[in-house]
Amino acid sequence: MTPVTIEIPERFDRDTVQPIADRLDAAVARGHAAVRIDLSAVREFDSTAMALIVAALRDAKRTGTTVELEGISEPVLDYFSLVSVRHLIEERKPDRQLGFVERVGRGVMPTLHVARDSAVLFARAVRSLVLGPWTGERFRVSRTVAEVSEAGSSAMPIVSLIAFLLGLILAMQAWLQLRIFAAELFVADMVAVSVTREIGPLMTAILVAARSGSAIAAQIGTMVINEEVDALEQMGIKPVAWLVVPKMVALALATPCLTVLFDAVAMTGGMLFGVSVVEINPGAYLERTQESLKLADLASGLFKASVFGTLIASIGCALGLNVEGGPEGVGRATTRAVVASIFAIIVFDAIFVIVLRVGS
């Protein structure tokens, strides 16, 4: 059949669109090979009228009819430049159902990517730290001290509060079990050993991850979005030596120090409960604490804390340097830094338990 031309009036809005819609439907229904829509006279239009054009294009595509737009005025052209007509007229294909392996892969691959990026960044930081003095990469002592102050000194109040409350809780739980056997004095042993071996470094690292790990990812991510990292590279300054190394060294030093504070405050809280509630003699409580503590337990706890701090800094810096998507990307990187850091802490803590406790 011959093509049919439909002229659109000067005013093309919801008040005048119905007759034109009827003509378009009739033309498509009759099976015309082509339908021309003349828009040259259009001066005023609204979204309802433009929706008719989109619907006509969609119906024509479905039935095989060719719809041509003629005489497109500048206002109409501006409208179509803001709206993806191709996206509107294409029929969306239903999402394919993912298999079990694909679903697992989608969940695991981001974690593996974070682990890979963090490991690569850690290796580059170690190389810069060791070989930097011989390659012109000066170690920033003043920046490292400032990072230690930010991650360590500023975190002391929250670490102390959490440690004191956990010491009370540990002593209470130990007393509830030990009083069955009339062994209340061993509350001191339970608190001292559990805090120095596991709870102290683990809880301190989680607090550092929530506080400093997120801050590192947000800070470096913002610098990436603002192209400050690119500016450093243009000036011949390596971002790893300038940004990553001070933060990594700072957390590797600050986390063990905070762990010592956590251990001391937690044992103080346990002692307060033991002396005031269980009515253990203060001298006997201190004696039992001293006898139960071993240098190896404290050393292993501090070593783990240092490793945890390095992990937190590596993950935070890696996610920050790989930020994409503007401010929303910074927010996602900040959240992922906390989650990934805590996950890595738990995994490495389990490895330490196997190697240092089960294997010995």
Protein backbone atom coordinates (compact mmCIF):
# COMPACT_ATOMS: atom_id res chain seq x y z
CA MET A 1 0.00 0.00 0.00
CA THR A 2 1.10 3.60 -0.61
CA PRO A 3 2.66 5.58 2.21
CA VAL A 4 0.37 7.79 4.22
CA THR A 5 1.36 11.20 5.62
CA ILE A 6 -0.03 12.52 8.90
CA GLU A 7 0.45 16.23 9.51
CA ILE A 8 0.82 17.34 13.11
CA PRO A 9 -0.76 20.72 14.00
CA GLU A 10 1.09 23.67 15.49
CA ARG A 11 -0.18 22.84 18.96
CA PHE A 12 0.54 19.22 19.76
CA ASP A 13 -0.43 18.40 23.34
CA ARG A 14 -2.84 16.24 25.33
CA ASP A 15 -5.83 18.26 24.10
CA THR A 16 -5.10 17.61 20.40
CA VAL A 17 -3.34 14.26 20.51
CA GLN A 18 -6.35 11.91 20.40
CA PRO A 19 -7.41 12.45 16.76
CA ILE A 20 -3.83 12.03 15.64
CA ALA A 21 -3.49 8.88 17.71
CA ASP A 22 -6.60 7.45 16.03
CA ARG A 23 -5.19 8.19 12.56
CA LEU A 24 -1.88 6.56 13.44
CA ASP A 25 -3.59 3.44 14.76
CA ALA A 26 -5.74 3.22 11.68
CA ALA A 27 -2.74 3.61 9.35
CA VAL A 28 -0.80 0.87 11.11
CA ALA A 29 -3.86 -1.39 11.23
CA ARG A 30 -4.42 -1.05 7.43
CA GLY A 31 -0.90 -2.31 6.86
CA HIS A 32 0.61 0.71 5.14
CA ALA A 33 4.20 0.06 4.15
CA ALA A 34 5.25 3.44 5.53
CA VAL A 35 3.75 6.18 7.63
CA ARG A 36 5.18 9.68 7.47
CA ILE A 37 4.66 11.99 10.44
CA ASP A 38 5.12 15.62 9.44
CA LEU A 39 6.28 17.67 12.45
CA SER A 40 7.27 20.83 10.58
CA ALA A 41 4.32 22.87 11.90
CA VAL A 42 4.79 21.93 15.57
CA ARG A 43 5.61 24.87 17.81
CA GLU A 44 4.06 23.84 21.13
CA PHE A 45 4.05 20.31 22.51
CA ASP A 46 4.12 18.39 25.77
CA SER A 47 5.33 15.01 26.97
CA THR A 48 1.95 13.36 26.33
CA ALA A 49 2.18 14.17 22.63
CA MET A 50 5.78 13.03 22.40
CA ALA A 51 4.80 9.79 24.12
CA LEU A 52 2.41 9.21 21.21
CA ILE A 53 5.31 9.46 18.76
CA VAL A 54 7.32 6.96 20.78
CA ALA A 55 4.33 4.59 21.00
CA ALA A 56 3.84 4.84 17.22
CA LEU A 57 7.47 3.98 16.62
CA ARG A 58 7.19 1.02 18.97
CA ASP A 59 4.00 -0.32 17.36
CA ALA A 60 5.40 0.15 13.88
CA LYS A 61 8.52 -1.79 14.77
CA ARG A 62 6.39 -4.63 16.08
CA THR A 63 4.18 -4.81 12.94
CA GLY A 64 6.89 -4.16 10.37
CA THR A 65 5.60 -0.74 9.32
CA THR A 66 8.13 1.99 8.61
CA VAL A 67 7.51 5.24 10.47
CA GLU A 68 9.39 8.30 9.24
CA LEU A 69 9.59 11.64 11.03
CA GLU A 70 9.70 14.63 8.69
CA GLY A 71 10.24 18.32 9.25
CA ILE A 72 11.47 18.01 12.78
CA SER A 73 11.64 21.49 14.28
CA GLU A 74 14.42 22.59 16.58
CA PRO A 75 12.34 22.36 19.82
CA VAL A 76 11.27 18.81 18.93
CA LEU A 77 14.84 17.90 18.05
CA ASP A 78 16.02 19.25 21.40
CA TYR A 79 13.45 17.10 23.16
CA PHE A 80 14.52 13.93 21.38
CA SER A 81 18.15 14.72 22.14
CA LEU A 82 17.32 14.54 25.86
CA VAL A 83 15.35 11.29 25.58
CA SER A 84 16.82 8.01 24.37
CA VAL A 85 14.12 7.10 21.85
CA ARG A 86 15.98 4.00 20.74
CA HIS A 87 15.99 2.79 24.35
CA LEU A 88 12.26 3.48 24.69
CA ILE A 89 11.15 1.66 21.56
CA GLU A 90 13.29 -1.42 21.99
CA GLU A 91 11.56 -4.27 23.72
CA ARG A 92 13.35 -5.40 26.83
CA LYS A 93 14.42 -8.98 26.84
CA PRO A 94 13.65 -10.86 30.03
CA ASP A 95 16.67 -11.32 32.25
CA ARG A 96 18.22 -14.73 31.91
CA GLN A 97 18.05 -16.81 35.03
CA LEU A 98 21.55 -17.32 36.40
CA GLY A 99 22.68 -20.77 37.40
CA PHE A 100 24.04 -21.65 40.80
CA VAL A 101 27.68 -21.44 39.68
CA GLU A 102 27.12 -18.03 38.05
CA ARG A 103 25.42 -16.65 41.16
CA VAL A 104 28.27 -17.87 43.33
CA GLY A 105 30.77 -16.41 40.89
CA ARG A 106 29.11 -13.00 40.92
CA GLY A 107 29.30 -12.98 44.69
CA VAL A 108 32.87 -14.24 44.96
CA MET A 109 34.62 -12.39 42.11
CA PRO A 110 34.42 -8.88 43.67
CA THR A 111 36.03 -10.26 46.81
CA LEU A 112 38.79 -11.90 44.79
CA HIS A 113 39.37 -8.66 42.90
CA VAL A 114 39.74 -6.75 46.17
CA ALA A 115 42.16 -9.40 47.46
CA ARG A 116 44.21 -9.21 44.27
CA ASP A 117 44.35 -5.40 44.21
CA SER A 118 45.25 -5.27 47.90
CA ALA A 119 48.02 -7.85 47.52
CA VAL A 120 49.50 -6.01 44.53
CA LEU A 121 49.34 -2.68 46.34
CA PHE A 122 50.93 -4.20 49.45
CA ALA A 123 53.81 -5.57 47.35
CA ARG A 124 54.33 -2.17 45.70
CA ALA A 125 54.29 -0.44 49.10
CA VAL A 126 56.85 -2.86 50.54
CA ARG A 127 59.05 -2.34 47.49
CA SER A 128 58.75 1.43 47.86
CA LEU A 129 59.50 1.24 51.58
CA VAL A 130 62.55 -1.00 51.17
CA LEU A 131 64.01 0.36 47.93
CA GLY A 132 62.71 3.90 48.19
CA PRO A 133 65.80 5.44 49.83
CA TRP A 134 67.93 4.22 46.90
CA THR A 135 65.47 5.27 44.17
CA GLY A 136 64.66 8.78 45.34
CA GLU A 137 61.32 7.93 47.00
CA ARG A 138 61.67 9.68 50.34
CA PHE A 139 59.80 8.14 53.26
CA ARG A 140 57.40 10.72 54.72
CA VAL A 141 58.12 10.55 58.43
CA SER A 142 56.02 13.58 59.36
CA ARG A 143 53.01 12.27 57.44
CA THR A 144 53.40 8.86 59.05
CA VAL A 145 53.48 10.40 62.52
CA ALA A 146 50.32 12.35 61.70
CA GLU A 147 48.63 9.17 60.47
CA VAL A 148 49.65 7.32 63.65
CA SER A 149 48.15 10.13 65.71
CA GLU A 150 44.93 10.06 63.70
CA ALA A 151 44.55 6.28 63.74
CA GLY A 152 45.94 5.73 67.24
CA SER A 153 45.54 8.65 69.63
CA SER A 154 42.15 9.69 68.29
CA ALA A 155 40.84 6.13 68.63
CA MET A 156 41.86 5.66 72.26
CA PRO A 157 38.52 6.76 73.83
CA ILE A 158 36.33 4.38 71.82
CA VAL A 159 38.83 1.53 72.18
CA SER A 160 38.99 2.05 75.93
CA LEU A 161 35.22 2.13 76.29
CA ILE A 162 34.68 -1.04 74.26
CA ALA A 163 37.53 -2.80 76.06
CA PHE A 164 36.20 -1.95 79.52
CA LEU A 165 32.70 -3.18 78.69
CA LEU A 166 34.01 -6.37 77.08
CA GLY A 167 36.21 -7.03 80.13
CA LEU A 168 33.15 -6.79 82.35
CA ILE A 169 31.15 -9.07 80.07
CA LEU A 170 33.92 -11.67 79.84
CA ALA A 171 34.34 -11.74 83.61
CA MET A 172 30.59 -12.05 84.10
CA GLN A 173 30.28 -14.93 81.63
CA ALA A 174 33.30 -16.72 83.09
CA TRP A 175 31.96 -16.33 86.63
CA LEU A 176 28.55 -17.77 85.68
CA GLN A 177 30.26 -20.95 84.51
CA LEU A 178 33.09 -21.23 87.04
CA ARG A 179 30.94 -20.71 90.12
CA ILE A 180 29.32 -24.09 89.40
CA PHE A 181 32.67 -25.68 90.25
CA ALA A 182 33.52 -23.18 93.01
CA ALA A 183 36.41 -21.94 90.89
CA GLU A 184 35.58 -18.22 90.84
CA LEU A 185 39.26 -17.29 91.26
CA PHE A 186 39.95 -18.51 87.73
CA VAL A 187 37.90 -15.65 86.32
CA ALA A 188 41.22 -13.79 86.20
CA ASP A 189 42.77 -16.52 84.04
CA MET A 190 39.84 -16.58 81.64
CA VAL A 191 39.81 -12.83 81.13
CA ALA A 192 43.57 -12.42 80.79
CA VAL A 193 44.15 -15.31 78.38
CA SER A 194 41.11 -14.69 76.14
CA VAL A 195 41.82 -10.98 75.88
CA THR A 196 45.54 -11.18 75.09
CA ARG A 197 45.27 -14.16 72.72
CA GLU A 198 42.18 -13.43 70.66
CA ILE A 199 39.68 -10.80 71.71
CA GLY A 200 42.14 -7.94 72.15
CA PRO A 201 43.76 -7.94 68.69
CA LEU A 202 40.55 -9.03 66.96
CA MET A 203 38.25 -6.38 68.45
CA THR A 204 40.89 -3.67 68.13
CA ALA A 205 41.36 -4.47 64.45
CA ILE A 206 37.61 -4.38 63.83
CA LEU A 207 37.38 -0.98 65.50
CA VAL A 208 40.32 0.29 63.45
CA ALA A 209 38.73 -1.06 60.25
CA ALA A 210 35.43 0.67 61.01
CA ARG A 211 37.12 3.93 61.91
CA SER A 212 40.37 4.25 59.96
CA GLY A 213 39.81 1.81 57.09
CA SER A 214 36.69 3.63 55.96
CA ALA A 215 38.41 7.01 56.36
CA ILE A 216 41.35 5.88 54.21
CA ALA A 217 39.10 4.65 51.41
CA ALA A 218 37.03 7.85 51.51
CA GLN A 219 40.07 10.13 51.58
CA ILE A 220 41.93 8.49 48.71
CA GLY A 221 38.72 7.93 46.75
CA THR A 222 37.89 11.62 46.97
CA MET A 223 41.40 12.46 45.76
CA VAL A 224 40.90 10.14 42.78
CA ILE A 225 37.54 11.74 41.90
CA ASN A 226 39.07 15.22 42.18
CA GLU A 227 41.98 14.07 39.98
CA GLU A 228 44.49 14.87 42.71
CA VAL A 229 46.15 11.48 42.30
CA ASP A 230 46.56 12.15 38.58
CA ALA A 231 48.10 15.52 39.46
CA LEU A 232 50.64 13.79 41.71
CA GLU A 233 51.63 11.48 38.86
CA GLN A 234 51.94 14.44 36.48
CA MET A 235 54.34 16.06 38.96
CA GLY A 236 56.45 12.90 39.03
CA ILE A 237 55.29 11.86 42.52
CA LYS A 238 54.38 8.19 42.93
CA PRO A 239 51.04 7.84 44.75
CA VAL A 240 52.11 4.60 46.44
CA ALA A 241 55.10 6.22 48.14
CA TRP A 242 53.27 9.47 48.84
CA LEU A 243 49.89 8.17 50.04
CA VAL A 244 49.91 4.43 50.67
CA VAL A 245 53.18 3.80 52.51
CA PRO A 246 52.57 6.32 55.35
CA LYS A 247 49.08 4.94 55.99
CA MET A 248 50.24 1.33 55.89
CA VAL A 249 53.14 1.92 58.27
CA ALA A 250 50.94 4.01 60.56
CA LEU A 251 48.27 1.33 60.94
CA ALA A 252 50.90 -1.40 61.31
CA LEU A 253 52.26 0.55 64.31
CA ALA A 254 49.06 2.02 65.74
CA THR A 255 47.01 -1.20 65.83
CA PRO A 256 49.40 -3.09 68.18
CA CYS A 257 49.60 -0.03 70.44
CA LEU A 258 45.82 0.14 70.61
CA THR A 259 45.78 -3.59 71.29
CA VAL A 260 47.97 -3.10 74.36
CA LEU A 261 45.56 -0.43 75.57
CA PHE A 262 42.61 -2.72 74.85
CA ASP A 263 44.20 -5.60 76.80
CA ALA A 264 45.01 -3.44 79.81
CA VAL A 265 41.59 -1.79 80.00
CA ALA A 266 39.72 -5.07 79.41
CA MET A 267 41.64 -6.81 82.21
CA THR A 268 40.95 -3.82 84.43
CA GLY A 269 37.23 -4.15 83.73
CA GLY A 270 37.40 -7.87 84.47
CA MET A 271 39.23 -7.19 87.70
CA LEU A 272 36.66 -4.60 88.73
CA PHE A 273 33.90 -7.15 88.30
CA GLY A 274 35.88 -9.89 90.03
CA VAL A 275 36.70 -7.73 93.06
CA SER A 276 33.36 -5.94 93.46
CA VAL A 277 30.87 -8.66 92.49
CA VAL A 278 32.65 -11.99 92.90
CA GLU A 279 34.52 -10.61 95.95
CA ILE A 280 37.90 -11.96 94.91
CA ASN A 281 40.83 -10.51 96.84
CA PRO A 282 42.60 -7.90 94.64
CA GLY A 283 46.01 -9.36 95.42
CA ALA A 284 44.87 -12.88 94.53
CA TYR A 285 43.25 -11.63 91.31
CA LEU A 286 46.45 -9.87 90.22
CA GLU A 287 48.52 -12.92 91.12
CA ARG A 288 46.31 -15.22 89.03
CA THR A 289 46.44 -12.77 86.13
CA GLN A 290 50.23 -12.61 86.27
CA GLU A 291 50.57 -16.40 86.43
CA SER A 292 48.20 -17.01 83.52
CA LEU A 293 49.79 -14.47 81.20
CA LYS A 294 52.63 -15.62 78.99
CA LEU A 295 54.94 -13.53 76.90
CA ALA A 296 54.19 -15.71 73.87
CA ASP A 297 50.46 -14.94 74.15
CA LEU A 298 51.09 -11.21 74.26
CA ALA A 299 53.64 -11.34 71.45
CA SER A 300 51.35 -13.36 69.19
CA GLY A 301 48.50 -10.95 69.86
CA LEU A 302 50.63 -7.94 68.97
CA PHE A 303 51.95 -9.65 65.85
CA LYS A 304 48.41 -10.41 64.71
CA ALA A 305 47.38 -6.82 65.42
CA SER A 306 50.21 -5.51 63.25
CA VAL A 307 49.19 -7.82 60.40
CA PHE A 308 45.57 -6.77 60.79
CA GLY A 309 46.54 -3.10 60.62
CA THR A 310 48.51 -3.71 57.44
CA LEU A 311 45.54 -5.54 55.93
CA ILE A 312 43.18 -2.70 56.76
CA ALA A 313 45.45 -0.09 55.19
CA SER A 314 46.07 -2.18 52.07
CA ILE A 315 42.37 -2.83 51.48
CA GLY A 316 41.34 0.76 52.18
CA CYS A 317 44.01 2.21 49.88
CA ALA A 318 43.30 -0.32 47.10
CA LEU A 319 39.58 0.40 47.11
CA GLY A 320 40.20 4.13 47.30
CA LEU A 321 42.58 4.14 44.33
CA ASN A 322 40.10 2.14 42.22
CA VAL A 323 37.08 4.36 42.87
CA GLU A 324 34.76 4.93 39.91
CA GLY A 325 31.43 6.71 39.60
CA GLY A 326 31.86 9.99 41.44
CA PRO A 327 30.62 10.54 45.00
CA GLU A 328 28.49 7.40 44.87
CA GLY A 329 31.62 5.41 44.06
CA VAL A 330 33.36 6.90 47.08
CA GLY A 331 30.47 5.80 49.28
CA ARG A 332 30.56 2.27 47.87
CA ALA A 333 34.33 2.08 48.35
CA THR A 334 34.00 3.23 51.96
CA THR A 335 31.41 0.58 52.75
CA ARG A 336 33.33 -2.14 50.94
CA ALA A 337 36.53 -1.18 52.76
CA VAL A 338 34.93 -1.88 56.15
CA VAL A 339 33.28 -5.13 55.03
CA ALA A 340 36.34 -6.45 53.20
CA SER A 341 38.67 -5.50 56.06
CA ILE A 342 36.58 -7.28 58.68
CA PHE A 343 36.29 -10.34 56.43
CA ALA A 344 40.07 -10.40 55.90
CA ILE A 345 40.67 -9.99 59.64
CA ILE A 346 38.47 -12.98 60.45
CA VAL A 347 40.10 -15.13 57.76
CA PHE A 348 43.65 -14.29 58.84
CA ASP A 349 42.74 -14.76 62.50
CA ALA A 350 41.53 -18.27 61.69
CA ILE A 351 44.81 -18.93 59.87
CA PHE A 352 46.78 -17.70 62.88
CA VAL A 353 44.78 -19.95 65.20
CA ILE A 354 45.56 -22.95 63.02
CA VAL A 355 49.24 -22.13 62.67
CA LEU A 356 50.03 -20.85 66.16
CA ARG A 357 47.69 -22.94 68.31
CA VAL A 358 46.68 -26.12 66.54
CA GLY A 359 50.04 -26.64 64.87
CA SER A 360 52.06 -26.14 68.07
